[in-house]
Amino acid sequence: MLISCVIKLSTNAELLVPPSMGQVLHAFFLDRVRNLSPELAAGLHGPAAVKPFTVSPLWGRVEFTDNRWRLFPGEEYAFRVTSISPRLSTWMRDHWLASLSAEIELAGARLQVAGVTVDPQAHPWASSSDYREIYNTWISRDDVPYQFSLEFHSPTAFKNRGINYPLPDPQHVFMHLLQKWNLYSPINLGDNLLAYIEDNVFLRSFKLQTKIIHFDRYKQVGFTGVCSFGIRRREEEIMARVIHMLADFAFYAGVGYKTTMGMGQVRVGR
């Protein structure tokens, strides 16, 4: 199972919170997991380089004042947590969502929980699926588009030889997604795709900007915006289908690094 849970929030008064809300929400999620299932939390805190979840930044109207974010009464706020681990996804659906109280505290600020959903009809960033559904959707399609776009909704970047790399290079984007898919999916896509990505997936156009995301002790530069990718027409049509699988998977997996702290929130362009 793959899941994207959106938590809607509101406030009755102006609040000041730190701009590092991706980090704050990451801590909030893990604290809740630890309280409900210490054994599961230990696995999420473990040394694995590829984590099975993502946490978005706080979404909604804010004003930056004296190195703080100001939140306003009457405005809608939200964040989401996704999982690409079938075990974690099922646990979140059955236990974590039900455990959320009517009010939560984030960095000392109390916000009301206005709603929780995994229904895409209730929020465009909510959904649920599974690996086989994504796989079967693209394997059974009659036609295979050779171009598509991705929307990078929160700052996205990669590590390239220890250096921050804030560009949507196809090799970085899809190799990162392939690694996550093969690690957590029951359907292994193998390694043959790596050479195919390098030779056949390319940037067509983009409308991007760099944006700073805040952490407790530093800031990180990433890119946001829309990027169009193309796939060369080859006889190996199955490979093009797999690229589309990975593009759909990005909604749950995130792209790049620090996806557990607000970076790399991505979806297929509409």
Protein backbone atom coordinates (compact mmCIF):
# COMPACT_ATOMS: atom_id res chain seq x y z
CA MET A 1 0.00 0.00 0.00
CA LEU A 2 1.03 3.58 -0.76
CA ILE A 3 -0.58 6.40 1.16
CA SER A 4 -0.67 10.19 1.28
CA CYS A 5 -2.39 11.57 4.38
CA VAL A 6 -3.30 15.26 4.47
CA ILE A 7 -3.92 16.91 7.83
CA LYS A 8 -5.88 20.17 7.62
CA LEU A 9 -5.26 22.76 10.32
CA SER A 10 -6.67 26.08 11.46
CA THR A 11 -6.01 28.64 14.17
CA ASN A 12 -8.24 31.00 16.13
CA ALA A 13 -5.46 33.53 16.74
CA GLU A 14 -2.29 34.81 15.13
CA LEU A 15 0.61 32.47 15.81
CA LEU A 16 4.35 32.65 15.37
CA VAL A 17 6.19 29.49 14.39
CA PRO A 18 9.76 28.84 13.21
CA PRO A 19 10.30 28.82 9.43
CA SER A 20 11.82 25.33 9.75
CA MET A 21 8.34 23.79 9.82
CA GLY A 22 9.33 20.82 7.66
CA GLN A 23 11.70 19.83 10.43
CA VAL A 24 9.06 20.55 13.10
CA LEU A 25 6.47 18.39 11.31
CA HIS A 26 9.03 15.61 10.84
CA ALA A 27 9.60 15.58 14.61
CA PHE A 28 5.84 15.69 15.28
CA PHE A 29 5.23 12.65 13.07
CA LEU A 30 8.04 10.58 14.56
CA ASP A 31 7.01 11.49 18.12
CA ARG A 32 3.48 10.27 17.41
CA VAL A 33 4.83 7.03 15.92
CA ARG A 34 7.11 6.54 18.92
CA ASN A 35 4.21 6.98 21.34
CA LEU A 36 1.99 4.53 19.46
CA SER A 37 4.51 1.97 18.24
CA PRO A 38 8.07 2.18 19.64
CA GLU A 39 9.16 -0.80 17.57
CA LEU A 40 8.00 0.81 14.32
CA ALA A 41 9.56 4.14 15.33
CA ALA A 42 12.92 2.44 15.94
CA GLY A 43 12.92 1.27 12.33
CA LEU A 44 12.13 4.74 11.02
CA HIS A 45 14.92 6.24 13.13
CA GLY A 46 17.37 3.58 11.98
CA PRO A 47 20.44 4.05 9.77
CA ALA A 48 18.66 3.31 6.47
CA ALA A 49 19.73 5.87 3.88
CA VAL A 50 16.38 5.67 2.07
CA LYS A 51 13.47 6.39 4.38
CA PRO A 52 10.01 4.99 3.61
CA PHE A 53 8.11 8.23 4.30
CA THR A 54 8.00 11.90 3.40
CA VAL A 55 6.74 14.94 5.30
CA SER A 56 5.72 18.15 3.55
CA PRO A 57 6.32 21.68 4.75
CA LEU A 58 3.38 23.56 6.27
CA TRP A 59 1.10 24.81 3.50
CA GLY A 60 -0.97 27.98 3.76
CA ARG A 61 -0.68 31.74 4.04
CA VAL A 62 2.28 32.90 6.12
CA GLU A 63 4.24 36.11 6.55
CA PHE A 64 7.93 36.11 7.38
CA THR A 65 8.52 38.36 10.40
CA ASP A 66 11.70 38.55 12.51
CA ASN A 67 12.82 35.10 11.35
CA ARG A 68 9.42 33.61 12.25
CA TRP A 69 6.37 32.62 10.27
CA ARG A 70 3.15 34.39 11.19
CA LEU A 71 -0.03 32.32 10.83
CA PHE A 72 -3.45 33.96 10.62
CA PRO A 73 -6.91 33.08 11.97
CA GLY A 74 -9.46 32.16 9.32
CA GLU A 75 -6.80 30.78 6.97
CA GLU A 76 -6.51 27.14 5.96
CA TYR A 77 -3.26 25.32 6.69
CA ALA A 78 -2.24 21.76 5.95
CA PHE A 79 0.63 19.31 5.76
CA ARG A 80 0.90 15.76 4.53
CA VAL A 81 2.75 12.58 5.38
CA THR A 82 3.29 9.87 2.77
CA SER A 83 4.53 6.32 3.00
CA ILE A 84 5.97 3.95 0.40
CA SER A 85 6.30 1.04 2.81
CA PRO A 86 3.25 -1.26 2.68
CA ARG A 87 3.61 -1.98 6.39
CA LEU A 88 3.93 1.66 7.42
CA SER A 89 1.13 2.75 5.08
CA THR A 90 -1.32 0.24 6.55
CA TRP A 91 -0.34 1.24 10.09
CA MET A 92 -0.80 4.94 9.33
CA ARG A 93 -4.26 4.31 7.88
CA ASP A 94 -5.40 2.05 10.72
CA HIS A 95 -3.72 3.67 13.73
CA TRP A 96 -1.91 6.96 13.18
CA LEU A 97 -4.74 8.93 11.56
CA ALA A 98 -7.24 7.83 14.22
CA SER A 99 -4.84 8.89 16.98
CA LEU A 100 -4.78 12.57 16.00
CA SER A 101 -6.56 14.71 18.55
CA ALA A 102 -8.70 17.77 17.85
CA GLU A 103 -5.72 20.00 18.63
CA ILE A 104 -2.01 19.53 18.05
CA GLU A 105 1.03 21.47 19.20
CA LEU A 106 3.77 22.44 16.76
CA ALA A 107 6.82 24.28 18.09
CA GLY A 108 4.76 25.60 21.01
CA ALA A 109 1.87 26.75 18.82
CA ARG A 110 -1.54 25.12 19.24
CA LEU A 111 -3.51 24.47 16.05
CA GLN A 112 -6.90 22.88 15.57
CA VAL A 113 -7.19 19.79 13.37
CA ALA A 114 -9.86 20.72 10.84
CA GLY A 115 -9.78 17.41 9.02
CA VAL A 116 -7.76 14.37 8.04
CA THR A 117 -8.06 12.69 4.66
CA VAL A 118 -6.56 10.27 2.16
CA ASP A 119 -9.31 11.08 -0.34
CA PRO A 120 -8.12 12.97 -3.46
CA GLN A 121 -11.61 14.42 -3.80
CA ALA A 122 -11.15 16.13 -0.42
CA HIS A 123 -7.62 17.41 -1.09
CA PRO A 124 -5.45 17.25 -4.24
CA TRP A 125 -2.41 16.04 -2.31
CA ALA A 126 -4.24 13.16 -0.61
CA SER A 127 -4.52 9.68 -2.08
CA SER A 128 -3.81 5.98 -1.67
CA SER A 129 -2.70 3.32 -4.10
CA ASP A 130 -0.32 0.37 -4.27
CA TYR A 131 2.62 -0.74 -6.39
CA ARG A 132 0.62 -3.24 -8.41
CA GLU A 133 -2.04 -0.68 -9.26
CA ILE A 134 0.55 1.75 -10.63
CA TYR A 135 2.36 -1.07 -12.45
CA ASN A 136 -0.82 -2.53 -13.99
CA THR A 137 -2.12 0.88 -15.03
CA TRP A 138 0.88 1.49 -17.26
CA ILE A 139 1.41 -2.07 -18.44
CA SER A 140 -2.20 -2.34 -19.65
CA ARG A 141 -2.47 1.06 -21.35
CA ASP A 142 -2.93 0.99 -25.11
CA ASP A 143 -0.90 4.15 -25.68
CA VAL A 144 2.29 5.42 -24.09
CA PRO A 145 2.87 9.19 -24.06
CA TYR A 146 6.43 10.19 -24.84
CA GLN A 147 6.29 13.41 -22.89
CA PHE A 148 4.99 14.40 -19.46
CA SER A 149 5.61 16.99 -16.79
CA LEU A 150 6.37 16.99 -13.07
CA GLU A 151 5.41 19.74 -10.63
CA PHE A 152 8.05 20.31 -7.96
CA HIS A 153 5.92 21.83 -5.24
CA SER A 154 8.53 22.24 -2.49
CA PRO A 155 12.25 22.97 -2.86
CA THR A 156 14.02 19.99 -4.41
CA ALA A 157 17.74 19.22 -4.63
CA PHE A 158 20.17 16.34 -4.93
CA LYS A 159 23.58 15.57 -3.52
CA ASN A 160 26.17 15.31 -6.28
CA ARG A 161 29.61 14.34 -4.96
CA GLY A 162 28.82 16.09 -1.69
CA ILE A 163 27.63 19.29 -3.37
CA ASN A 164 24.05 20.59 -3.41
CA TYR A 165 22.64 20.17 -6.94
CA PRO A 166 19.34 22.10 -7.42
CA LEU A 167 18.51 21.05 -10.98
CA PRO A 168 15.99 18.46 -12.32
CA ASP A 169 18.51 16.31 -14.16
CA PRO A 170 16.57 13.24 -15.42
CA GLN A 171 19.22 10.83 -14.18
CA HIS A 172 19.00 12.23 -10.67
CA VAL A 173 15.20 12.38 -10.65
CA PHE A 174 14.46 8.89 -11.99
CA MET A 175 17.40 6.98 -10.55
CA HIS A 176 16.37 8.27 -7.12
CA LEU A 177 12.79 7.06 -7.73
CA LEU A 178 13.99 3.71 -9.07
CA GLN A 179 16.09 3.15 -5.96
CA LYS A 180 13.08 3.77 -3.69
CA TRP A 181 10.76 1.63 -5.80
CA ASN A 182 13.10 -1.37 -5.85
CA LEU A 183 13.74 -1.10 -2.12
CA TYR A 184 10.09 -1.14 -0.99
CA SER A 185 8.05 -2.61 -3.86
CA PRO A 186 7.25 -6.31 -4.32
CA ILE A 187 7.77 -5.70 -8.07
CA ASN A 188 11.48 -5.19 -8.69
CA LEU A 189 12.25 -3.16 -11.81
CA GLY A 190 15.91 -4.22 -11.96
CA ASP A 191 18.93 -2.12 -12.90
CA ASN A 192 18.64 -2.17 -16.70
CA LEU A 193 16.63 1.03 -16.52
CA LEU A 194 19.67 3.07 -15.49
CA ALA A 195 21.28 3.04 -18.93
CA TYR A 196 17.90 3.65 -20.56
CA ILE A 197 17.32 6.77 -18.43
CA GLU A 198 20.75 8.12 -19.30
CA ASP A 199 20.27 7.59 -23.05
CA ASN A 200 16.57 8.23 -23.56
CA VAL A 201 15.00 10.52 -20.94
CA PHE A 202 15.63 14.23 -21.41
CA LEU A 203 14.47 17.69 -20.42
CA ARG A 204 12.10 19.32 -22.91
CA SER A 205 11.31 22.58 -21.12
CA PHE A 206 10.99 23.98 -17.64
CA LYS A 207 9.75 26.95 -15.67
CA LEU A 208 11.71 26.79 -12.45
CA GLN A 209 13.00 29.04 -9.72
CA THR A 210 15.35 28.50 -6.82
CA LYS A 211 13.83 28.75 -3.37
CA ILE A 212 15.24 28.57 0.14
CA ILE A 213 13.91 26.16 2.72
CA HIS A 214 14.80 26.73 6.38
CA PHE A 215 16.18 24.25 8.86
CA ASP A 216 17.09 24.87 12.50
CA ARG A 217 20.73 25.73 11.94
CA TYR A 218 21.03 26.35 8.22
CA LYS A 219 19.18 27.07 4.99
CA GLN A 220 18.98 24.90 1.90
CA VAL A 221 18.52 25.97 -1.72
CA GLY A 222 16.28 23.91 -3.96
CA PHE A 223 14.24 24.37 -7.11
CA THR A 224 10.46 24.58 -7.51
CA GLY A 225 8.24 24.80 -10.57
CA VAL A 226 7.22 22.68 -13.54
CA CYS A 227 9.51 20.58 -15.70
CA SER A 228 8.60 18.79 -18.93
CA PHE A 229 10.43 15.55 -19.75
CA GLY A 230 10.64 13.67 -23.02
CA ILE A 231 11.29 10.01 -23.79
CA ARG A 232 12.97 8.98 -27.05
CA ARG A 233 10.83 6.68 -29.18
CA ARG A 234 12.45 3.26 -29.18
CA GLU A 235 11.38 -0.30 -29.73
CA GLU A 236 11.64 -0.92 -25.99
CA GLU A 237 8.21 0.56 -25.23
CA ILE A 238 8.14 -1.24 -21.89
CA MET A 239 10.90 1.07 -20.66
CA ALA A 240 8.80 4.13 -21.44
CA ARG A 241 5.95 2.59 -19.45
CA VAL A 242 8.29 2.12 -16.48
CA ILE A 243 9.33 5.79 -16.61
CA HIS A 244 5.65 6.74 -16.29
CA MET A 245 5.28 4.34 -13.35
CA LEU A 246 8.12 6.13 -11.58
CA ALA A 247 6.62 9.54 -12.38
CA ASP A 248 3.34 8.49 -10.72
CA PHE A 249 5.28 6.97 -7.83
CA ALA A 250 6.95 10.34 -7.17
CA PHE A 251 3.69 11.57 -5.60
CA TYR A 252 4.29 9.20 -2.67
CA ALA A 253 8.08 8.82 -2.72
CA GLY A 254 9.21 12.43 -3.09
CA VAL A 255 12.28 13.35 -5.10
CA GLY A 256 15.77 14.28 -3.97
CA TYR A 257 17.02 14.45 -0.41
CA LYS A 258 15.52 15.64 2.88
CA THR A 259 12.10 14.54 1.68
CA THR A 260 11.28 13.65 5.30
CA MET A 261 11.70 17.33 6.27
CA GLY A 262 9.70 19.21 3.66
CA MET A 263 11.76 18.97 0.49
CA GLY A 264 10.96 17.21 -2.78
CA GLN A 265 7.15 17.21 -2.80
CA VAL A 266 6.29 16.28 -6.39
CA ARG A 267 3.35 15.24 -8.56
CA VAL A 268 2.67 14.62 -12.23
CA GLY A 269 1.63 17.80 -14.00
CA ARG A 270 -2.04 18.39 -14.61
